Amino acid sequence: PDFLRLAKTRYPKVQTWITSNGTFLDDIVLPPLLEAGLDTLEVSFNGLEKAAYERLMKGARFESVLANLEYAAGAIAARGYQARLQVNFIVSKENASGEEAIKNFWRARGIRHFRVQRLHDRNGDAKVEGMTPLDAPGLRCSSCAIFDVTTFITWNGNVMHCCHDIPR
């Protein structure tokens, strides 16, 4: 919250965005972030069944994060915050046909915004079940040009090279 307030104070037009796994978005952590002026709260949620979710989201508990997302949607709506709550998820060959069902799952819980991503690996190091040769171009891939509009800063102040290429 202090970092967000500082950014908003120094640069009033800056758009702030937090991407989280949702494990700590409870009634203690979330309100100060919203009060500090957070513009977008994005939660990564891959898998709509407990076993698949917990396999993909190491260390996160399906029921807890689901409850946190439902709390966040309700808190934003009830208190009139301007923050945009969205869920991001990865589309792979296994779930591509269910993309609309995934969105409907979240719509039923008050979430209307999504960032859908294809499974990819610009670094060339990931070995993920379900990846196709199109998903894993490695260093042959051209830049996604995201740094033209976005800077990735971790919770402890480190600037990341790319949101997907932590090993690089």
C-alpha atoms as a PDB file:
ATOM      1  CA  PRO A   1       0.000   0.000   0.000  1.00  0.00           C
ATOM      2  CA  ASP A   2       2.795   2.459   0.791  1.00  0.00           C
ATOM      3  CA  PHE A   3       4.403   1.856  -2.597  1.00  0.00           C
ATOM      4  CA  LEU A   4       1.072   2.378  -4.377  1.00  0.00           C
ATOM      5  CA  ARG A   5       0.369   5.598  -2.473  1.00  0.00           C
ATOM      6  CA  LEU A   6       3.835   6.897  -3.258  1.00  0.00           C
ATOM      7  CA  ALA A   7       3.450   6.101  -6.961  1.00  0.00           C
ATOM      8  CA  LYS A   8       0.015   7.753  -7.088  1.00  0.00           C
ATOM      9  CA  THR A   9       1.290  10.817  -5.210  1.00  0.00           C
ATOM     10  CA  ARG A  10       4.324  11.329  -7.435  1.00  0.00           C
ATOM     11  CA  TYR A  11       2.624  10.348 -10.685  1.00  0.00           C
ATOM     12  CA  PRO A  12      -1.155  10.865 -10.335  1.00  0.00           C
ATOM     13  CA  LYS A  13      -1.916   9.466 -13.803  1.00  0.00           C
ATOM     14  CA  VAL A  14       0.093   6.254 -13.344  1.00  0.00           C
ATOM     15  CA  GLN A  15      -1.914   3.056 -13.658  1.00  0.00           C
ATOM     16  CA  THR A  16      -1.057   0.607 -10.898  1.00  0.00           C
ATOM     17  CA  TRP A  17      -1.561  -3.111 -11.353  1.00  0.00           C
ATOM     18  CA  ILE A  18      -0.884  -6.025  -9.061  1.00  0.00           C
ATOM     19  CA  THR A  19      -0.842  -9.610 -10.263  1.00  0.00           C
ATOM     20  CA  SER A  20      -1.210 -12.096  -7.445  1.00  0.00           C
ATOM     21  CA  ASN A  21      -1.850 -15.766  -6.855  1.00  0.00           C
ATOM     22  CA  GLY A  22      -4.601 -14.603  -4.492  1.00  0.00           C
ATOM     23  CA  THR A  23      -3.434 -16.483  -1.409  1.00  0.00           C
ATOM     24  CA  PHE A  24      -3.287 -13.372   0.810  1.00  0.00           C
ATOM     25  CA  LEU A  25      -6.123 -11.256  -0.618  1.00  0.00           C
ATOM     26  CA  ASP A  26      -8.181 -11.308   2.540  1.00  0.00           C
ATOM     27  CA  ASP A  27      -9.878  -8.660   4.683  1.00  0.00           C
ATOM     28  CA  ILE A  28      -6.543  -7.660   6.213  1.00  0.00           C
ATOM     29  CA  VAL A  29      -4.410  -7.311   3.065  1.00  0.00           C
ATOM     30  CA  LEU A  30      -6.893  -6.184   0.407  1.00  0.00           C
ATOM     31  CA  PRO A  31      -8.551  -3.043   1.867  1.00  0.00           C
ATOM     32  CA  PRO A  32      -5.281  -1.083   2.294  1.00  0.00           C
ATOM     33  CA  LEU A  33      -4.342  -1.853  -1.329  1.00  0.00           C
ATOM     34  CA  LEU A  34      -7.703  -0.607  -2.569  1.00  0.00           C
ATOM     35  CA  GLU A  35      -7.583   2.487  -0.338  1.00  0.00           C
ATOM     36  CA  ALA A  36      -4.103   3.278  -1.694  1.00  0.00           C
ATOM     37  CA  GLY A  37      -5.594   3.621  -5.182  1.00  0.00           C
ATOM     38  CA  LEU A  38      -4.880   0.290  -6.846  1.00  0.00           C
ATOM     39  CA  ASP A  39      -6.222   0.416 -10.410  1.00  0.00           C
ATOM     40  CA  THR A  40      -6.126  -3.257 -11.406  1.00  0.00           C
ATOM     41  CA  LEU A  41      -6.026  -6.329  -9.226  1.00  0.00           C
ATOM     42  CA  GLU A  42      -5.349  -9.396 -11.312  1.00  0.00           C
ATOM     43  CA  VAL A  43      -5.384 -12.892  -9.871  1.00  0.00           C
ATOM     44  CA  SER A  44      -3.864 -15.863 -11.664  1.00  0.00           C
ATOM     45  CA  PHE A  45      -6.196 -18.812 -11.367  1.00  0.00           C
ATOM     46  CA  ASN A  46      -5.335 -21.792 -13.536  1.00  0.00           C
ATOM     47  CA  GLY A  47      -7.708 -24.724 -13.248  1.00  0.00           C
ATOM     48  CA  LEU A  48     -11.314 -24.947 -12.104  1.00  0.00           C
ATOM     49  CA  GLU A  49     -10.986 -28.285 -10.354  1.00  0.00           C
ATOM     50  CA  LYS A  50      -9.168 -28.498  -7.019  1.00  0.00           C
ATOM     51  CA  ALA A  51      -6.624 -31.132  -8.099  1.00  0.00           C
ATOM     52  CA  ALA A  52      -5.691 -29.388 -11.351  1.00  0.00           C
ATOM     53  CA  TYR A  53      -5.534 -25.968  -9.689  1.00  0.00           C
ATOM     54  CA  GLU A  54      -3.315 -27.095  -6.832  1.00  0.00           C
ATOM     55  CA  ARG A  55      -1.019 -28.962  -9.226  1.00  0.00           C
ATOM     56  CA  LEU A  56      -0.566 -25.830 -11.340  1.00  0.00           C
ATOM     57  CA  MET A  57      -0.559 -23.230  -8.554  1.00  0.00           C
ATOM     58  CA  LYS A  58       2.076 -24.584  -6.178  1.00  0.00           C
ATOM     59  CA  GLY A  59       1.379 -23.793  -2.532  1.00  0.00           C
ATOM     60  CA  ALA A  60      -2.070 -22.283  -3.119  1.00  0.00           C
ATOM     61  CA  ARG A  61      -5.240 -23.872  -1.743  1.00  0.00           C
ATOM     62  CA  PHE A  62      -8.177 -23.918  -4.147  1.00  0.00           C
ATOM     63  CA  GLU A  63     -10.930 -23.166  -1.618  1.00  0.00           C
ATOM     64  CA  SER A  64      -8.974 -20.377   0.112  1.00  0.00           C
ATOM     65  CA  VAL A  65      -8.101 -18.507  -3.065  1.00  0.00           C
ATOM     66  CA  LEU A  66     -11.612 -18.934  -4.429  1.00  0.00           C
ATOM     67  CA  ALA A  67     -12.980 -17.449  -1.183  1.00  0.00           C
ATOM     68  CA  ASN A  68     -10.469 -14.587  -1.402  1.00  0.00           C
ATOM     69  CA  LEU A  69     -11.558 -13.789  -4.962  1.00  0.00           C
ATOM     70  CA  GLU A  70     -15.214 -13.819  -3.985  1.00  0.00           C
ATOM     71  CA  TYR A  71     -14.374 -11.553  -1.030  1.00  0.00           C
ATOM     72  CA  ALA A  72     -12.442  -9.183  -3.334  1.00  0.00           C
ATOM     73  CA  ALA A  73     -15.296  -8.962  -5.833  1.00  0.00           C
ATOM     74  CA  GLY A  74     -17.747  -8.199  -3.037  1.00  0.00           C
ATOM     75  CA  ALA A  75     -15.483  -5.684  -1.282  1.00  0.00           C
ATOM     76  CA  ILE A  76     -14.810  -3.739  -4.469  1.00  0.00           C
ATOM     77  CA  ALA A  77     -18.509  -3.597  -5.359  1.00  0.00           C
ATOM     78  CA  ALA A  78     -19.759  -2.831  -1.829  1.00  0.00           C
ATOM     79  CA  ARG A  79     -17.297  -0.045  -1.114  1.00  0.00           C
ATOM     80  CA  GLY A  80     -17.401   1.522  -4.558  1.00  0.00           C
ATOM     81  CA  TYR A  81     -13.693   1.186  -5.267  1.00  0.00           C
ATOM     82  CA  GLN A  82     -12.646   1.913  -8.826  1.00  0.00           C
ATOM     83  CA  ALA A  83     -10.243  -1.032  -8.917  1.00  0.00           C
ATOM     84  CA  ARG A  84     -10.669  -3.448 -11.783  1.00  0.00           C
ATOM     85  CA  LEU A  85     -10.679  -7.068 -10.602  1.00  0.00           C
ATOM     86  CA  GLN A  86      -9.721  -9.586 -13.235  1.00  0.00           C
ATOM     87  CA  VAL A  87      -8.703 -13.195 -13.460  1.00  0.00           C
ATOM     88  CA  ASN A  88      -5.964 -14.370 -15.761  1.00  0.00           C
ATOM     89  CA  PHE A  89      -5.660 -17.914 -16.912  1.00  0.00           C
ATOM     90  CA  ILE A  90      -3.648 -19.903 -19.395  1.00  0.00           C
ATOM     91  CA  VAL A  91      -5.299 -21.571 -22.353  1.00  0.00           C
ATOM     92  CA  SER A  92      -3.621 -24.773 -23.461  1.00  0.00           C
ATOM     93  CA  LYS A  93      -4.736 -27.492 -25.822  1.00  0.00           C
ATOM     94  CA  GLU A  94      -6.374 -29.251 -22.854  1.00  0.00           C
ATOM     95  CA  ASN A  95      -8.734 -26.427 -21.926  1.00  0.00           C
ATOM     96  CA  ALA A  96      -9.051 -24.358 -25.127  1.00  0.00           C
ATOM     97  CA  SER A  97     -12.553 -25.657 -25.815  1.00  0.00           C
ATOM     98  CA  GLY A  98     -13.644 -24.629 -22.304  1.00  0.00           C
ATOM     99  CA  GLU A  99     -12.543 -20.988 -22.381  1.00  0.00           C
ATOM    100  CA  GLU A 100     -16.129 -19.666 -22.284  1.00  0.00           C
ATOM    101  CA  ALA A 101     -17.026 -22.058 -19.449  1.00  0.00           C
ATOM    102  CA  ILE A 102     -14.077 -20.721 -17.449  1.00  0.00           C
ATOM    103  CA  LYS A 103     -15.274 -17.149 -17.975  1.00  0.00           C
ATOM    104  CA  ASN A 104     -18.824 -18.132 -16.985  1.00  0.00           C
ATOM    105  CA  PHE A 105     -17.495 -19.717 -13.782  1.00  0.00           C
ATOM    106  CA  TRP A 106     -15.989 -16.352 -12.824  1.00  0.00           C
ATOM    107  CA  ARG A 107     -18.927 -14.268 -14.028  1.00  0.00           C
ATOM    108  CA  ALA A 108     -21.129 -16.250 -11.642  1.00  0.00           C
ATOM    109  CA  ARG A 109     -18.821 -15.007  -8.861  1.00  0.00           C
ATOM    110  CA  GLY A 110     -18.980 -11.339  -9.854  1.00  0.00           C
ATOM    111  CA  ILE A 111     -15.815 -11.147 -11.948  1.00  0.00           C
ATOM    112  CA  ARG A 112     -16.240  -9.662 -15.415  1.00  0.00           C
ATOM    113  CA  HIS A 113     -12.684  -9.014 -16.614  1.00  0.00           C
ATOM    114  CA  PHE A 114     -10.224 -11.567 -17.923  1.00  0.00           C
ATOM    115  CA  ARG A 115      -6.737 -11.795 -19.369  1.00  0.00           C
ATOM    116  CA  VAL A 116      -6.487 -14.997 -21.333  1.00  0.00           C
ATOM    117  CA  GLN A 117      -3.010 -16.129 -22.296  1.00  0.00           C
ATOM    118  CA  ARG A 118      -1.745 -18.922 -24.461  1.00  0.00           C
ATOM    119  CA  LEU A 119       0.689 -21.227 -22.782  1.00  0.00           C
ATOM    120  CA  HIS A 120       4.113 -19.962 -23.847  1.00  0.00           C
ATOM    121  CA  ASP A 121       7.771 -20.012 -22.978  1.00  0.00           C
ATOM    122  CA  ARG A 122       9.899 -17.221 -24.421  1.00  0.00           C
ATOM    123  CA  ASN A 123      12.855 -18.384 -22.350  1.00  0.00           C
ATOM    124  CA  GLY A 124      12.846 -21.900 -23.793  1.00  0.00           C
ATOM    125  CA  ASP A 125      13.357 -23.595 -20.414  1.00  0.00           C
ATOM    126  CA  ALA A 126       9.839 -24.605 -19.402  1.00  0.00           C
ATOM    127  CA  LYS A 127       8.808 -28.229 -19.658  1.00  0.00           C
ATOM    128  CA  VAL A 128       5.076 -28.140 -19.025  1.00  0.00           C
ATOM    129  CA  GLU A 129       2.653 -30.939 -19.796  1.00  0.00           C
ATOM    130  CA  GLY A 130       0.415 -29.862 -22.663  1.00  0.00           C
ATOM    131  CA  MET A 131       2.859 -27.500 -24.360  1.00  0.00           C
ATOM    132  CA  THR A 132       2.997 -27.824 -28.097  1.00  0.00           C
ATOM    133  CA  PRO A 133       5.898 -26.785 -30.368  1.00  0.00           C
ATOM    134  CA  LEU A 134       3.984 -23.547 -31.028  1.00  0.00           C
ATOM    135  CA  ASP A 135       3.956 -22.780 -27.305  1.00  0.00           C
ATOM    136  CA  ALA A 136       7.699 -23.173 -26.806  1.00  0.00           C
ATOM    137  CA  PRO A 137       9.615 -21.036 -29.297  1.00  0.00           C
ATOM    138  CA  GLY A 138      12.301 -20.217 -26.753  1.00  0.00           C
ATOM    139  CA  LEU A 139      14.815 -17.641 -27.903  1.00  0.00           C
ATOM    140  CA  ARG A 140      13.556 -17.841 -31.495  1.00  0.00           C
ATOM    141  CA  CYS A 141      10.493 -15.849 -30.419  1.00  0.00           C
ATOM    142  CA  SER A 142      10.387 -12.149 -31.091  1.00  0.00           C
ATOM    143  CA  SER A 143       9.876  -9.785 -28.201  1.00  0.00           C
ATOM    144  CA  CYS A 144       6.315  -9.274 -27.036  1.00  0.00           C
ATOM    145  CA  ALA A 145       7.105  -5.529 -26.726  1.00  0.00           C
ATOM    146  CA  ILE A 146       5.417  -5.390 -23.331  1.00  0.00           C
ATOM    147  CA  PHE A 147       8.144  -3.142 -21.965  1.00  0.00           C
ATOM    148  CA  ASP A 148       6.899  -0.378 -24.224  1.00  0.00           C
ATOM    149  CA  VAL A 149       4.001   0.029 -21.806  1.00  0.00           C
ATOM    150  CA  THR A 150       4.767  -1.946 -18.632  1.00  0.00           C
ATOM    151  CA  THR A 151       7.439  -2.290 -15.972  1.00  0.00           C
ATOM    152  CA  PHE A 152       7.372  -5.378 -13.750  1.00  0.00           C
ATOM    153  CA  ILE A 153       8.361  -4.664 -10.152  1.00  0.00           C
ATOM    154  CA  THR A 154       8.199  -7.430  -7.564  1.00  0.00           C
ATOM    155  CA  TRP A 155       6.843  -6.921  -4.051  1.00  0.00           C
ATOM    156  CA  ASN A 156      10.385  -6.332  -2.780  1.00  0.00           C
ATOM    157  CA  GLY A 157      11.328  -3.753  -5.414  1.00  0.00           C
ATOM    158  CA  ASN A 158      13.204  -5.888  -7.938  1.00  0.00           C
ATOM    159  CA  VAL A 159      12.587  -5.006 -11.573  1.00  0.00           C
ATOM    160  CA  MET A 160      11.989  -8.169 -13.603  1.00  0.00           C
ATOM    161  CA  HIS A 161      13.180  -8.732 -17.143  1.00  0.00           C
ATOM    162  CA  CYS A 162       9.861 -10.265 -18.150  1.00  0.00           C
ATOM    163  CA  CYS A 163       6.838 -11.507 -16.288  1.00  0.00           C
ATOM    164  CA  HIS A 164       7.250 -14.944 -17.881  1.00  0.00           C
ATOM    165  CA  ASP A 165      11.028 -15.285 -18.044  1.00  0.00           C
ATOM    166  CA  ILE A 166      12.164 -15.237 -14.446  1.00  0.00           C
ATOM    167  CA  PRO A 167      15.028 -17.724 -15.120  1.00  0.00           C
ATOM    168  CA  ARG A 168      16.448 -15.552 -17.894  1.00  0.00           C
END
